[in-house]
Each structure stands twice: as C-alpha cells, then as structure tokens.
Amino acid sequence: MGTSHALSGPGPAWRGAGTPEGEAAPPGEAAGSAAFPRSPLPVVRDSPLNDPKPDATLLDRQVCFSLYRASHALGAVYRSILDPYGLTFPQYLVMLALWDRDRVPVRDLSDRVCLDSGTLSPLLRRLTQHGLVLRTRDRSDERRVVITLTERGDAMRVHAQEIQEQLLSATGLDADELFTLRSLSTKLADTTIAPHRPPH
C-alpha cells in the first residue's frame, strides 16, 4: 500500500496534465504538457537559416570574390618573389611560355599567356630592352613577328624551380593542395573563360 501512496502523492514531477489551475509548472515544462521537460533544440551556428540575408547576397560566399582575393594575394606573393630577378608577373608568364617553346609568333604567344596584343607588345619591348628576348620578322611571312629567347633569357630558366619552391612556401599549401587548386582553376578556365575570349 505504501507504493500506492508514493505514486499518487503531491510530487510535481508526476502531476502531468493534472497540475491544478493556478499552480506553476516545473521549469522546462509547460502546463498541461507531458511529465518530462523538453530538451532544447541544438543551435546550428553555421546554418544558412541563421543568416539574415539569402546566400546570393553574402559577399564571402561568392566564388568570384574568393578567386578575386586569391588572385590579389598571389599577385603580391609573386611580386616579392620575382623582384630580385627583375621580372613582373606578366613578364614571368611570357618567359615560362618561351622556356617551354622558343621562337613563337606574337599572336601564338598572346594566346598562350592570355594577354591581348595591347598588353603584350609593350611587355615584349621591355623584355627586349632587358636583353632577354629578340623580336624578328618571320622570313616566310614578313607580317609575322617572332619572339626568340636570347642566351641570357634562356639561362634564366635555371631559376624556375626555386621560384616554384618559394611560391609553395609562401602559400602555406602542400604540393597536393597546390595541384588540386591548379587543376580546378584550369578546369574553370577551360569550361567558362576560354569560350568567351574576345577575338583578336
């Protein structure tokens, strides 16, 4: 019989729907609710639902802004790396293209490094003045200007490896991450940028 009194006694935890009118329900339990208090819902802090604006208007979630910031960051890194060699970043791209394939018509070189003729022509003049390249007329077609490395320009290729190592160190990325970044960037360029390049 003692058990019967214990279960039917005045303890608020067992009152449930029988809580008398005017008496406060236990903390965490609304009057008339089930006997056990409700568990609080977990807070998901990184959920889009917590943002006052939709994703399309959030600057930090835009791919274009991430690429823009990365481009500026890499530009600053390359400036500090290339300055001792007397090269700007666009000039370095041209030298890389010529180390890969020498004696290239200007138009082919423009396509290779993704620089229009208005940007490439003065750049080539500066490289010529620095004694790194020669500009000559194609004997088979005088209308074409061919770019060739000088002996000094060709000798600079020995620095390419150390430049890459400095870049790897400056970015904080490991070799695999840098490879993945390059692969995705190349895919993006090939699938979206290249088809929309303006004609010469």
N, C-alpha and C. Protein backbone atom coordinates (compact mmCIF):
# COMPACT_ATOMS: atom_id res chain seq x y z
N MET A 1 0.82 -1.20 0.00
CA MET A 1 0.00 0.00 0.00
C MET A 1 0.86 1.26 0.00
N GLY A 2 2.09 1.15 0.63
CA GLY A 2 3.00 2.30 0.65
C GLY A 2 3.36 2.74 -0.75
N THR A 3 3.44 1.80 -1.65
CA THR A 3 3.76 2.12 -3.02
C THR A 3 2.68 2.95 -3.66
N SER A 4 1.42 2.64 -3.36
CA SER A 4 0.29 3.37 -3.92
C SER A 4 0.34 4.82 -3.50
N HIS A 5 0.67 5.09 -2.19
CA HIS A 5 0.73 6.47 -1.72
C HIS A 5 1.86 7.23 -2.39
N ALA A 6 3.00 6.53 -2.64
CA ALA A 6 4.14 7.21 -3.25
C ALA A 6 3.83 7.67 -4.65
N LEU A 7 3.09 6.89 -5.43
CA LEU A 7 2.79 7.23 -6.80
C LEU A 7 1.69 8.27 -6.92
N SER A 8 0.84 8.32 -5.93
CA SER A 8 -0.28 9.25 -6.02
C SER A 8 -0.05 10.51 -5.20
N GLY A 9 1.14 10.66 -4.63
CA GLY A 9 1.43 11.80 -3.78
C GLY A 9 1.52 13.10 -4.56
N PRO A 10 1.85 14.18 -3.89
CA PRO A 10 1.81 15.52 -4.47
C PRO A 10 3.03 15.91 -5.29
N GLY A 11 4.00 14.97 -5.51
CA GLY A 11 5.22 15.35 -6.24
C GLY A 11 4.90 15.93 -7.61
N PRO A 12 5.42 17.11 -7.95
CA PRO A 12 5.10 17.80 -9.20
C PRO A 12 5.58 17.05 -10.43
N ALA A 13 6.61 16.21 -10.30
CA ALA A 13 7.12 15.52 -11.48
C ALA A 13 6.12 14.53 -12.04
N TRP A 14 5.16 14.10 -11.23
CA TRP A 14 4.18 13.10 -11.70
C TRP A 14 2.85 13.74 -12.00
N ARG A 15 2.74 15.06 -11.88
CA ARG A 15 1.43 15.67 -11.98
C ARG A 15 0.94 15.70 -13.41
N GLY A 16 1.81 16.01 -14.40
CA GLY A 16 1.44 16.00 -15.81
C GLY A 16 0.24 16.86 -16.07
N ALA A 17 -0.73 16.32 -16.78
CA ALA A 17 -1.92 17.08 -17.16
C ALA A 17 -2.77 17.41 -15.96
N GLY A 18 -2.47 16.79 -14.80
CA GLY A 18 -3.30 17.04 -13.62
C GLY A 18 -2.81 18.20 -12.79
N THR A 19 -1.93 19.02 -13.26
CA THR A 19 -1.46 20.17 -12.49
C THR A 19 -2.62 21.10 -12.19
N PRO A 20 -2.87 21.39 -10.91
CA PRO A 20 -4.02 22.24 -10.58
C PRO A 20 -3.91 23.60 -11.21
N GLU A 21 -5.05 24.19 -11.52
CA GLU A 21 -5.10 25.51 -12.13
C GLU A 21 -4.47 26.53 -11.21
N GLY A 22 -3.63 27.41 -11.77
CA GLY A 22 -3.00 28.45 -10.98
C GLY A 22 -1.66 28.05 -10.42
N GLU A 23 -1.29 26.77 -10.46
CA GLU A 23 0.00 26.34 -9.93
C GLU A 23 1.01 26.29 -11.06
N ALA A 24 2.18 26.82 -10.83
CA ALA A 24 3.21 26.89 -11.87
C ALA A 24 3.72 25.51 -12.20
N ALA A 25 3.91 25.27 -13.47
CA ALA A 25 4.51 24.00 -13.90
C ALA A 25 6.00 24.03 -13.60
N PRO A 26 6.65 22.87 -13.49
CA PRO A 26 8.08 22.82 -13.22
C PRO A 26 8.86 23.50 -14.34
N PRO A 27 10.08 23.97 -14.04
CA PRO A 27 10.90 24.60 -15.08
C PRO A 27 11.09 23.69 -16.28
N GLY A 28 10.94 24.26 -17.48
CA GLY A 28 11.11 23.49 -18.71
C GLY A 28 9.89 22.72 -19.10
N GLU A 29 8.79 22.79 -18.34
CA GLU A 29 7.58 22.06 -18.66
C GLU A 29 6.41 23.00 -18.70
N ALA A 30 5.73 23.07 -19.83
CA ALA A 30 4.54 23.91 -19.93
C ALA A 30 3.40 23.23 -19.22
N ALA A 31 2.49 24.05 -18.69
CA ALA A 31 1.33 23.50 -18.02
C ALA A 31 0.54 22.64 -18.99
N GLY A 32 0.15 21.43 -18.51
CA GLY A 32 -0.63 20.53 -19.35
C GLY A 32 0.21 19.71 -20.29
N SER A 33 1.59 19.80 -20.25
CA SER A 33 2.44 19.03 -21.14
C SER A 33 2.74 17.69 -20.54
N ALA A 34 3.55 16.88 -21.26
CA ALA A 34 3.96 15.59 -20.74
C ALA A 34 4.79 15.80 -19.49
N ALA A 35 5.01 14.72 -18.73
CA ALA A 35 5.64 14.83 -17.43
C ALA A 35 7.09 15.29 -17.52
N PHE A 36 7.82 14.86 -18.56
CA PHE A 36 9.25 15.15 -18.63
C PHE A 36 9.50 16.48 -19.36
N PRO A 37 10.47 17.27 -18.90
CA PRO A 37 10.76 18.56 -19.55
C PRO A 37 11.30 18.37 -20.96
N ARG A 38 11.04 19.35 -21.85
CA ARG A 38 11.52 19.29 -23.22
C ARG A 38 13.01 19.58 -23.28
N SER A 39 13.71 18.88 -24.20
CA SER A 39 15.13 19.16 -24.42
C SER A 39 15.25 20.34 -25.37
N PRO A 40 16.18 21.26 -25.10
CA PRO A 40 16.33 22.41 -26.01
C PRO A 40 16.85 21.96 -27.37
N LEU A 41 16.41 22.63 -28.45
CA LEU A 41 16.87 22.29 -29.79
C LEU A 41 18.32 22.73 -29.96
N PRO A 42 19.15 21.92 -30.64
CA PRO A 42 20.55 22.31 -30.85
C PRO A 42 20.65 23.53 -31.76
N VAL A 43 21.61 24.38 -31.48
CA VAL A 43 21.84 25.58 -32.29
C VAL A 43 22.90 25.28 -33.34
N VAL A 44 22.54 25.37 -34.61
CA VAL A 44 23.48 25.16 -35.70
C VAL A 44 23.97 26.53 -36.14
N ARG A 45 25.17 26.91 -35.71
CA ARG A 45 25.64 28.28 -35.89
C ARG A 45 26.01 28.59 -37.34
N ASP A 46 26.40 27.57 -38.10
CA ASP A 46 26.83 27.83 -39.47
C ASP A 46 25.73 27.54 -40.49
N SER A 47 24.51 27.43 -40.02
CA SER A 47 23.41 27.13 -40.92
C SER A 47 23.01 28.38 -41.70
N PRO A 48 22.69 28.22 -43.00
CA PRO A 48 22.20 29.37 -43.78
C PRO A 48 20.96 30.00 -43.18
N LEU A 49 20.20 29.20 -42.39
CA LEU A 49 18.97 29.73 -41.79
C LEU A 49 19.27 30.80 -40.75
N ASN A 50 20.49 30.80 -40.22
CA ASN A 50 20.85 31.80 -39.23
C ASN A 50 21.28 33.13 -39.84
N ASP A 51 21.45 33.16 -41.16
CA ASP A 51 21.87 34.38 -41.82
C ASP A 51 20.67 35.27 -42.14
N PRO A 52 20.76 36.57 -41.85
CA PRO A 52 19.64 37.46 -42.13
C PRO A 52 19.45 37.70 -43.62
N LYS A 53 20.46 37.39 -44.45
CA LYS A 53 20.35 37.59 -45.88
C LYS A 53 20.46 36.25 -46.60
N PRO A 54 19.84 36.11 -47.75
CA PRO A 54 20.00 34.87 -48.51
C PRO A 54 21.41 34.73 -49.03
N ASP A 55 21.84 33.49 -49.30
CA ASP A 55 23.21 33.22 -49.73
C ASP A 55 23.64 34.06 -50.93
N ALA A 56 22.75 34.34 -51.84
CA ALA A 56 23.11 35.05 -53.07
C ALA A 56 23.62 36.46 -52.81
N THR A 57 23.36 37.02 -51.62
CA THR A 57 23.80 38.38 -51.33
C THR A 57 24.96 38.44 -50.35
N LEU A 58 25.47 37.29 -49.93
CA LEU A 58 26.59 37.27 -48.98
C LEU A 58 27.91 37.28 -49.73
N LEU A 59 28.70 38.33 -49.53
CA LEU A 59 29.94 38.51 -50.27
C LEU A 59 30.91 37.36 -50.06
N ASP A 60 31.08 36.93 -48.81
CA ASP A 60 32.08 35.91 -48.51
C ASP A 60 31.71 34.52 -49.03
N ARG A 61 30.49 34.36 -49.53
CA ARG A 61 30.09 33.06 -50.09
C ARG A 61 30.14 33.04 -51.62
N GLN A 62 30.64 34.10 -52.22
CA GLN A 62 30.71 34.18 -53.68
C GLN A 62 32.03 33.59 -54.18
N VAL A 63 31.93 32.69 -55.15
CA VAL A 63 33.13 32.11 -55.75
C VAL A 63 33.99 33.20 -56.40
N CYS A 64 33.33 34.14 -57.07
CA CYS A 64 34.06 35.21 -57.76
C CYS A 64 34.91 36.02 -56.78
N PHE A 65 34.39 36.27 -55.59
CA PHE A 65 35.14 37.06 -54.61
C PHE A 65 36.32 36.27 -54.05
N SER A 66 36.12 34.97 -53.84
CA SER A 66 37.23 34.12 -53.37
C SER A 66 38.36 34.10 -54.40
N LEU A 67 37.99 33.96 -55.68
CA LEU A 67 39.01 33.97 -56.74
C LEU A 67 39.69 35.33 -56.84
N TYR A 68 38.90 36.39 -56.67
CA TYR A 68 39.44 37.75 -56.74
C TYR A 68 40.47 37.98 -55.63
N ARG A 69 40.13 37.57 -54.42
CA ARG A 69 41.05 37.71 -53.29
C ARG A 69 42.30 36.87 -53.49
N ALA A 70 42.11 35.64 -53.96
CA ALA A 70 43.25 34.75 -54.18
C ALA A 70 44.18 35.32 -55.24
N SER A 71 43.59 35.91 -56.30
CA SER A 71 44.40 36.50 -57.36
C SER A 71 45.25 37.65 -56.82
N HIS A 72 44.66 38.50 -55.99
CA HIS A 72 45.40 39.60 -55.40
C HIS A 72 46.51 39.09 -54.48
N ALA A 73 46.19 38.06 -53.70
CA ALA A 73 47.17 37.51 -52.77
C ALA A 73 48.36 36.90 -53.53
N LEU A 74 48.06 36.13 -54.59
CA LEU A 74 49.14 35.53 -55.38
C LEU A 74 49.95 36.59 -56.10
N GLY A 75 49.28 37.65 -56.57
CA GLY A 75 50.00 38.73 -57.22
C GLY A 75 51.02 39.36 -56.30
N ALA A 76 50.63 39.57 -55.04
CA ALA A 76 51.56 40.15 -54.06
C ALA A 76 52.72 39.20 -53.79
N VAL A 77 52.42 37.90 -53.69
CA VAL A 77 53.47 36.91 -53.44
C VAL A 77 54.46 36.89 -54.61
N TYR A 78 53.93 36.86 -55.83
CA TYR A 78 54.81 36.80 -57.00
C TYR A 78 55.66 38.07 -57.14
N ARG A 79 55.09 39.23 -56.78
CA ARG A 79 55.88 40.46 -56.86
C ARG A 79 57.12 40.37 -55.98
N SER A 80 56.95 39.87 -54.76
CA SER A 80 58.09 39.76 -53.85
C SER A 80 59.09 38.70 -54.31
N ILE A 81 58.59 37.62 -54.93
CA ILE A 81 59.48 36.55 -55.39
C ILE A 81 60.24 36.97 -56.64
N LEU A 82 59.55 37.62 -57.58
CA LEU A 82 60.14 37.92 -58.88
C LEU A 82 60.99 39.18 -58.92
N ASP A 83 60.80 40.06 -57.95
CA ASP A 83 61.53 41.33 -57.95
C ASP A 83 63.05 41.14 -58.02
N PRO A 84 63.62 40.19 -57.27
CA PRO A 84 65.08 40.00 -57.36
C PRO A 84 65.55 39.56 -58.75
N TYR A 85 64.65 39.00 -59.54
CA TYR A 85 65.02 38.56 -60.89
C TYR A 85 64.74 39.64 -61.95
N GLY A 86 64.19 40.76 -61.50
CA GLY A 86 63.90 41.86 -62.42
C GLY A 86 62.73 41.59 -63.34
N LEU A 87 61.79 40.76 -62.90
CA LEU A 87 60.63 40.40 -63.72
C LEU A 87 59.34 40.78 -63.03
N THR A 88 58.36 41.20 -63.82
CA THR A 88 56.99 41.34 -63.34
C THR A 88 56.29 40.00 -63.56
N PHE A 89 55.10 39.85 -62.98
CA PHE A 89 54.39 38.58 -63.15
C PHE A 89 54.02 38.31 -64.62
N PRO A 90 53.47 39.28 -65.38
CA PRO A 90 53.18 39.00 -66.79
C PRO A 90 54.44 38.66 -67.59
N GLN A 91 55.55 39.33 -67.27
CA GLN A 91 56.81 39.02 -67.95
C GLN A 91 57.25 37.59 -67.64
N TYR A 92 57.04 37.18 -66.40
CA TYR A 92 57.39 35.82 -65.99
C TYR A 92 56.56 34.79 -66.77
N LEU A 93 55.29 35.08 -66.98
CA LEU A 93 54.44 34.18 -67.76
C LEU A 93 54.99 34.02 -69.19
N VAL A 94 55.40 35.14 -69.77
CA VAL A 94 55.96 35.09 -71.12
C VAL A 94 57.25 34.27 -71.15
N MET A 95 58.11 34.47 -70.15
CA MET A 95 59.35 33.71 -70.09
C MET A 95 59.06 32.21 -69.92
N LEU A 96 58.09 31.87 -69.10
CA LEU A 96 57.72 30.46 -68.94
C LEU A 96 57.27 29.86 -70.26
N ALA A 97 56.44 30.62 -70.99
CA ALA A 97 55.95 30.13 -72.28
C ALA A 97 57.10 29.92 -73.26
N LEU A 98 58.09 30.83 -73.24
CA LEU A 98 59.23 30.71 -74.16
C LEU A 98 60.21 29.62 -73.72
N TRP A 99 60.33 29.38 -72.44
CA TRP A 99 61.16 28.27 -71.98
C TRP A 99 60.54 26.94 -72.40
N ASP A 100 59.23 26.93 -72.49
CA ASP A 100 58.53 25.72 -72.92
C ASP A 100 58.62 25.54 -74.44
N ARG A 101 58.52 26.65 -75.19
CA ARG A 101 58.59 26.61 -76.65
C ARG A 101 59.15 27.93 -77.17
N ASP A 102 60.33 27.86 -77.72
CA ASP A 102 61.00 29.07 -78.21
C ASP A 102 60.59 29.36 -79.65
N ARG A 103 60.95 30.56 -80.12
CA ARG A 103 60.63 31.00 -81.48
C ARG A 103 59.13 30.90 -81.75
N VAL A 104 58.38 31.79 -81.10
CA VAL A 104 56.92 31.77 -81.18
C VAL A 104 56.42 33.07 -81.79
N PRO A 105 55.51 32.99 -82.77
CA PRO A 105 54.89 34.22 -83.29
C PRO A 105 54.14 34.95 -82.18
N VAL A 106 54.11 36.26 -82.27
CA VAL A 106 53.47 37.07 -81.23
C VAL A 106 52.02 36.65 -81.01
N ARG A 107 51.30 36.38 -82.09
CA ARG A 107 49.89 36.02 -81.93
C ARG A 107 49.74 34.71 -81.16
N ASP A 108 50.59 33.73 -81.44
CA ASP A 108 50.54 32.46 -80.70
C ASP A 108 50.91 32.67 -79.24
N LEU A 109 51.89 33.52 -79.00
CA LEU A 109 52.29 33.81 -77.63
C LEU A 109 51.18 34.52 -76.87
N SER A 110 50.46 35.40 -77.55
CA SER A 110 49.32 36.09 -76.94
C SER A 110 48.26 35.10 -76.48
N ASP A 111 47.97 34.12 -77.33
CA ASP A 111 47.00 33.09 -76.96
C ASP A 111 47.51 32.25 -75.79
N ARG A 112 48.79 31.95 -75.82
CA ARG A 112 49.37 31.06 -74.81
C ARG A 112 49.32 31.65 -73.42
N VAL A 113 49.60 32.94 -73.28
CA VAL A 113 49.66 33.57 -71.95
C VAL A 113 48.41 34.38 -71.63
N CYS A 114 47.42 34.35 -72.53
CA CYS A 114 46.14 35.03 -72.29
C CYS A 114 46.31 36.54 -72.08
N LEU A 115 47.16 37.15 -72.91
CA LEU A 115 47.34 38.60 -72.88
C LEU A 115 47.02 39.16 -74.26
N ASP A 116 46.23 40.22 -74.32
CA ASP A 116 45.92 40.81 -75.62
C ASP A 116 47.13 41.55 -76.16
N SER A 117 47.09 41.86 -77.44
CA SER A 117 48.25 42.47 -78.10
C SER A 117 48.59 43.83 -77.51
N GLY A 118 47.59 44.58 -77.05
CA GLY A 118 47.84 45.89 -76.45
C GLY A 118 48.65 45.80 -75.17
N THR A 119 48.51 44.70 -74.45
CA THR A 119 49.28 44.48 -73.23
C THR A 119 50.61 43.80 -73.53
N LEU A 120 50.58 42.86 -74.47
CA LEU A 120 51.78 42.06 -74.76
C LEU A 120 52.87 42.85 -75.47
N SER A 121 52.50 43.72 -76.41
CA SER A 121 53.51 44.43 -77.20
C SER A 121 54.46 45.27 -76.36
N PRO A 122 53.97 46.14 -75.46
CA PRO A 122 54.92 46.90 -74.62
C PRO A 122 55.71 46.00 -73.67
N LEU A 123 55.09 44.92 -73.24
CA LEU A 123 55.79 43.97 -72.36
C LEU A 123 56.98 43.35 -73.09
N LEU A 124 56.77 42.98 -74.36
CA LEU A 124 57.86 42.40 -75.15
C LEU A 124 58.95 43.42 -75.43
N ARG A 125 58.58 44.68 -75.60
CA ARG A 125 59.58 45.72 -75.80
C ARG A 125 60.50 45.84 -74.59
N ARG A 126 59.90 45.75 -73.39
CA ARG A 126 60.71 45.83 -72.17
C ARG A 126 61.63 44.62 -72.03
N LEU A 127 61.11 43.44 -72.36
CA LEU A 127 61.96 42.24 -72.29
C LEU A 127 63.10 42.33 -73.30
N THR A 128 62.82 42.94 -74.45
CA THR A 128 63.87 43.15 -75.46
C THR A 128 64.92 44.11 -74.94
N GLN A 129 64.48 45.19 -74.29
CA GLN A 129 65.41 46.17 -73.73
C GLN A 129 66.28 45.57 -72.63
N HIS A 130 65.71 44.59 -71.91
CA HIS A 130 66.46 43.92 -70.83
C HIS A 130 67.37 42.81 -71.38
N GLY A 131 67.35 42.61 -72.68
CA GLY A 131 68.23 41.62 -73.29
C GLY A 131 67.79 40.18 -73.09
N LEU A 132 66.49 39.96 -72.85
CA LEU A 132 66.00 38.61 -72.59
C LEU A 132 65.38 37.95 -73.82
N VAL A 133 64.85 38.75 -74.74
CA VAL A 133 64.24 38.20 -75.95
C VAL A 133 64.63 39.03 -77.16
N LEU A 134 64.44 38.42 -78.34
CA LEU A 134 64.63 39.13 -79.61
C LEU A 134 63.31 39.10 -80.37
N ARG A 135 63.03 40.19 -81.06
CA ARG A 135 61.86 40.26 -81.94
C ARG A 135 62.36 40.35 -83.38
N THR A 136 61.98 39.38 -84.18
CA THR A 136 62.41 39.35 -85.58
C THR A 136 61.22 39.07 -86.49
N ARG A 137 61.35 39.44 -87.75
CA ARG A 137 60.32 39.16 -88.75
C ARG A 137 60.47 37.72 -89.25
N ASP A 138 59.35 37.07 -89.41
CA ASP A 138 59.35 35.72 -89.95
C ASP A 138 59.76 35.79 -91.43
N ARG A 139 60.78 35.04 -91.80
CA ARG A 139 61.26 35.09 -93.18
C ARG A 139 60.22 34.59 -94.17
N SER A 140 59.37 33.67 -93.74
CA SER A 140 58.35 33.14 -94.64
C SER A 140 57.13 34.05 -94.73
N ASP A 141 56.98 34.95 -93.76
CA ASP A 141 55.85 35.88 -93.75
C ASP A 141 56.26 37.12 -92.98
N GLU A 142 56.61 38.17 -93.70
CA GLU A 142 57.13 39.40 -93.09
C GLU A 142 56.11 40.08 -92.18
N ARG A 143 54.86 39.71 -92.31
CA ARG A 143 53.85 40.32 -91.46
C ARG A 143 53.90 39.77 -90.04
N ARG A 144 54.51 38.63 -89.85
CA ARG A 144 54.56 38.00 -88.53
C ARG A 144 55.86 38.34 -87.81
N VAL A 145 55.70 38.69 -86.52
CA VAL A 145 56.85 38.94 -85.66
C VAL A 145 57.05 37.70 -84.78
N VAL A 146 58.28 37.20 -84.75
CA VAL A 146 58.60 36.00 -83.98
C VAL A 146 59.44 36.40 -82.77
N ILE A 147 59.12 35.80 -81.61
CA ILE A 147 59.83 36.09 -80.36
C ILE A 147 60.76 34.91 -80.05
N THR A 148 62.03 35.25 -79.81
CA THR A 148 63.05 34.23 -79.53
C THR A 148 63.82 34.62 -78.27
N LEU A 149 64.15 33.63 -77.47
CA LEU A 149 64.95 33.88 -76.28
C LEU A 149 66.39 34.22 -76.66
N THR A 150 66.98 35.15 -75.94
CA THR A 150 68.42 35.38 -76.08
C THR A 150 69.14 34.36 -75.18
N GLU A 151 70.45 34.35 -75.27
CA GLU A 151 71.22 33.45 -74.42
C GLU A 151 70.99 33.77 -72.94
N ARG A 152 70.92 35.05 -72.65
CA ARG A 152 70.67 35.47 -71.27
C ARG A 152 69.27 35.05 -70.81
N GLY A 153 68.29 35.23 -71.69
CA GLY A 153 66.93 34.84 -71.34
C GLY A 153 66.79 33.34 -71.13
N ASP A 154 67.47 32.56 -71.98
CA ASP A 154 67.41 31.11 -71.85
C ASP A 154 68.09 30.66 -70.55
N ALA A 155 69.16 31.35 -70.15
CA ALA A 155 69.89 30.97 -68.94
C ALA A 155 69.06 31.17 -67.67
N MET A 156 68.05 32.05 -67.74
CA MET A 156 67.23 32.33 -66.55
C MET A 156 66.33 31.16 -66.17
N ARG A 157 66.19 30.19 -67.05
CA ARG A 157 65.29 29.07 -66.76
C ARG A 157 65.75 28.27 -65.54
N VAL A 158 67.03 28.37 -65.19
CA VAL A 158 67.53 27.62 -64.03
C VAL A 158 66.87 28.10 -62.73
N HIS A 159 66.29 29.30 -62.76
CA HIS A 159 65.66 29.85 -61.55
C HIS A 159 64.20 29.42 -61.41
N ALA A 160 63.63 28.78 -62.42
CA ALA A 160 62.21 28.44 -62.39
C ALA A 160 61.86 27.54 -61.21
N GLN A 161 62.70 26.56 -60.92
CA GLN A 161 62.42 25.63 -59.83
C GLN A 161 62.41 26.33 -58.48
N GLU A 162 63.40 27.20 -58.25
CA GLU A 162 63.46 27.89 -56.96
C GLU A 162 62.29 28.87 -56.81
N ILE A 163 61.84 29.44 -57.91
CA ILE A 163 60.66 30.33 -57.86
C ILE A 163 59.44 29.54 -57.43
N GLN A 164 59.27 28.33 -57.98
CA GLN A 164 58.14 27.49 -57.60
C GLN A 164 58.22 27.07 -56.13
N GLU A 165 59.42 26.78 -55.66
CA GLU A 165 59.58 26.39 -54.26
C GLU A 165 59.26 27.55 -53.32
N GLN A 166 59.65 28.76 -53.71
CA GLN A 166 59.32 29.93 -52.90
C GLN A 166 57.81 30.16 -52.86
N LEU A 167 57.16 29.94 -54.00
CA LEU A 167 55.71 30.10 -54.06
C LEU A 167 55.03 29.10 -53.14
N LEU A 168 55.46 27.85 -53.20
CA LEU A 168 54.87 26.80 -52.36
C LEU A 168 55.01 27.15 -50.89
N SER A 169 56.17 27.66 -50.52
CA SER A 169 56.39 28.05 -49.12
C SER A 169 55.52 29.22 -48.71
N ALA A 170 55.35 30.20 -49.61
CA ALA A 170 54.60 31.42 -49.28
C ALA A 170 53.11 31.17 -49.15
N THR A 171 52.56 30.22 -49.92
CA THR A 171 51.11 29.99 -49.89
C THR A 171 50.66 29.21 -48.67
N GLY A 172 51.55 28.41 -48.07
CA GLY A 172 51.14 27.57 -46.96
C GLY A 172 50.41 26.32 -47.40
N LEU A 173 50.31 26.09 -48.71
CA LEU A 173 49.68 24.88 -49.24
C LEU A 173 50.73 23.81 -49.45
N ASP A 174 50.32 22.53 -49.31
CA ASP A 174 51.26 21.48 -49.65
C ASP A 174 51.16 21.19 -51.15
N ALA A 175 52.02 20.32 -51.65
CA ALA A 175 52.09 20.06 -53.08
C ALA A 175 50.77 19.52 -53.63
N ASP A 176 50.10 18.65 -52.87
CA ASP A 176 48.83 18.07 -53.33
C ASP A 176 47.75 19.14 -53.41
N GLU A 177 47.69 20.02 -52.42
CA GLU A 177 46.68 21.09 -52.43
C GLU A 177 46.92 22.04 -53.60
N LEU A 178 48.19 22.35 -53.85
CA LEU A 178 48.52 23.24 -54.96
C LEU A 178 48.16 22.61 -56.29
N PHE A 179 48.37 21.29 -56.40
CA PHE A 179 48.00 20.57 -57.62
C PHE A 179 46.49 20.59 -57.83
N THR A 180 45.73 20.37 -56.74
CA THR A 180 44.26 20.40 -56.82
C THR A 180 43.78 21.79 -57.22
N LEU A 181 44.37 22.82 -56.62
CA LEU A 181 44.00 24.19 -56.94
C LEU A 181 44.25 24.49 -58.41
N ARG A 182 45.40 24.08 -58.91
CA ARG A 182 45.73 24.30 -60.33
C ARG A 182 44.77 23.56 -61.24
N SER A 183 44.44 22.32 -60.88
CA SER A 183 43.55 21.51 -61.71
C SER A 183 42.16 22.13 -61.79
N LEU A 184 41.64 22.57 -60.66
CA LEU A 184 40.30 23.19 -60.64
C LEU A 184 40.31 24.52 -61.37
N SER A 185 41.37 25.31 -61.20
CA SER A 185 41.47 26.60 -61.89
C SER A 185 41.54 26.40 -63.40
N THR A 186 42.30 25.39 -63.82
CA THR A 186 42.40 25.09 -65.25
C THR A 186 41.06 24.65 -65.81
N LYS A 187 40.35 23.82 -65.06
CA LYS A 187 39.03 23.36 -65.50
C LYS A 187 38.07 24.53 -65.62
N LEU A 188 38.11 25.43 -64.64
CA LEU A 188 37.24 26.61 -64.69
C LEU A 188 37.54 27.46 -65.92
N ALA A 189 38.82 27.68 -66.19
CA ALA A 189 39.20 28.49 -67.35
C ALA A 189 38.79 27.82 -68.65
N ASP A 190 39.01 26.52 -68.75
CA ASP A 190 38.70 25.80 -69.98
C ASP A 190 37.20 25.73 -70.27
N THR A 191 36.39 25.66 -69.23
CA THR A 191 34.95 25.47 -69.43
C THR A 191 34.15 26.76 -69.45
N THR A 192 34.67 27.82 -68.84
CA THR A 192 33.88 29.05 -68.78
C THR A 192 34.55 30.27 -69.39
N ILE A 193 35.84 30.42 -69.22
CA ILE A 193 36.52 31.63 -69.66
C ILE A 193 36.90 31.56 -71.13
N ALA A 194 37.57 30.48 -71.51
CA ALA A 194 38.10 30.37 -72.88
C ALA A 194 37.03 30.56 -73.96
N PRO A 195 35.83 29.97 -73.84
CA PRO A 195 34.84 30.16 -74.91
C PRO A 195 34.39 31.61 -75.09
N HIS A 196 34.61 32.46 -74.06
CA HIS A 196 34.12 33.83 -74.12
C HIS A 196 35.23 34.85 -74.38
N ARG A 197 36.43 34.37 -74.70
CA ARG A 197 37.52 35.30 -75.00
C ARG A 197 37.21 36.08 -76.27
N PRO A 198 37.48 37.38 -76.27
CA PRO A 198 37.20 38.17 -77.46
C PRO A 198 38.17 37.80 -78.59
N PRO A 199 37.75 37.93 -79.83
CA PRO A 199 38.67 37.64 -80.94
C PRO A 199 39.77 38.67 -81.02
N HIS A 200 40.87 38.34 -81.70
CA HIS A 200 41.98 39.29 -81.88
C HIS A 200 41.52 40.46 -82.74
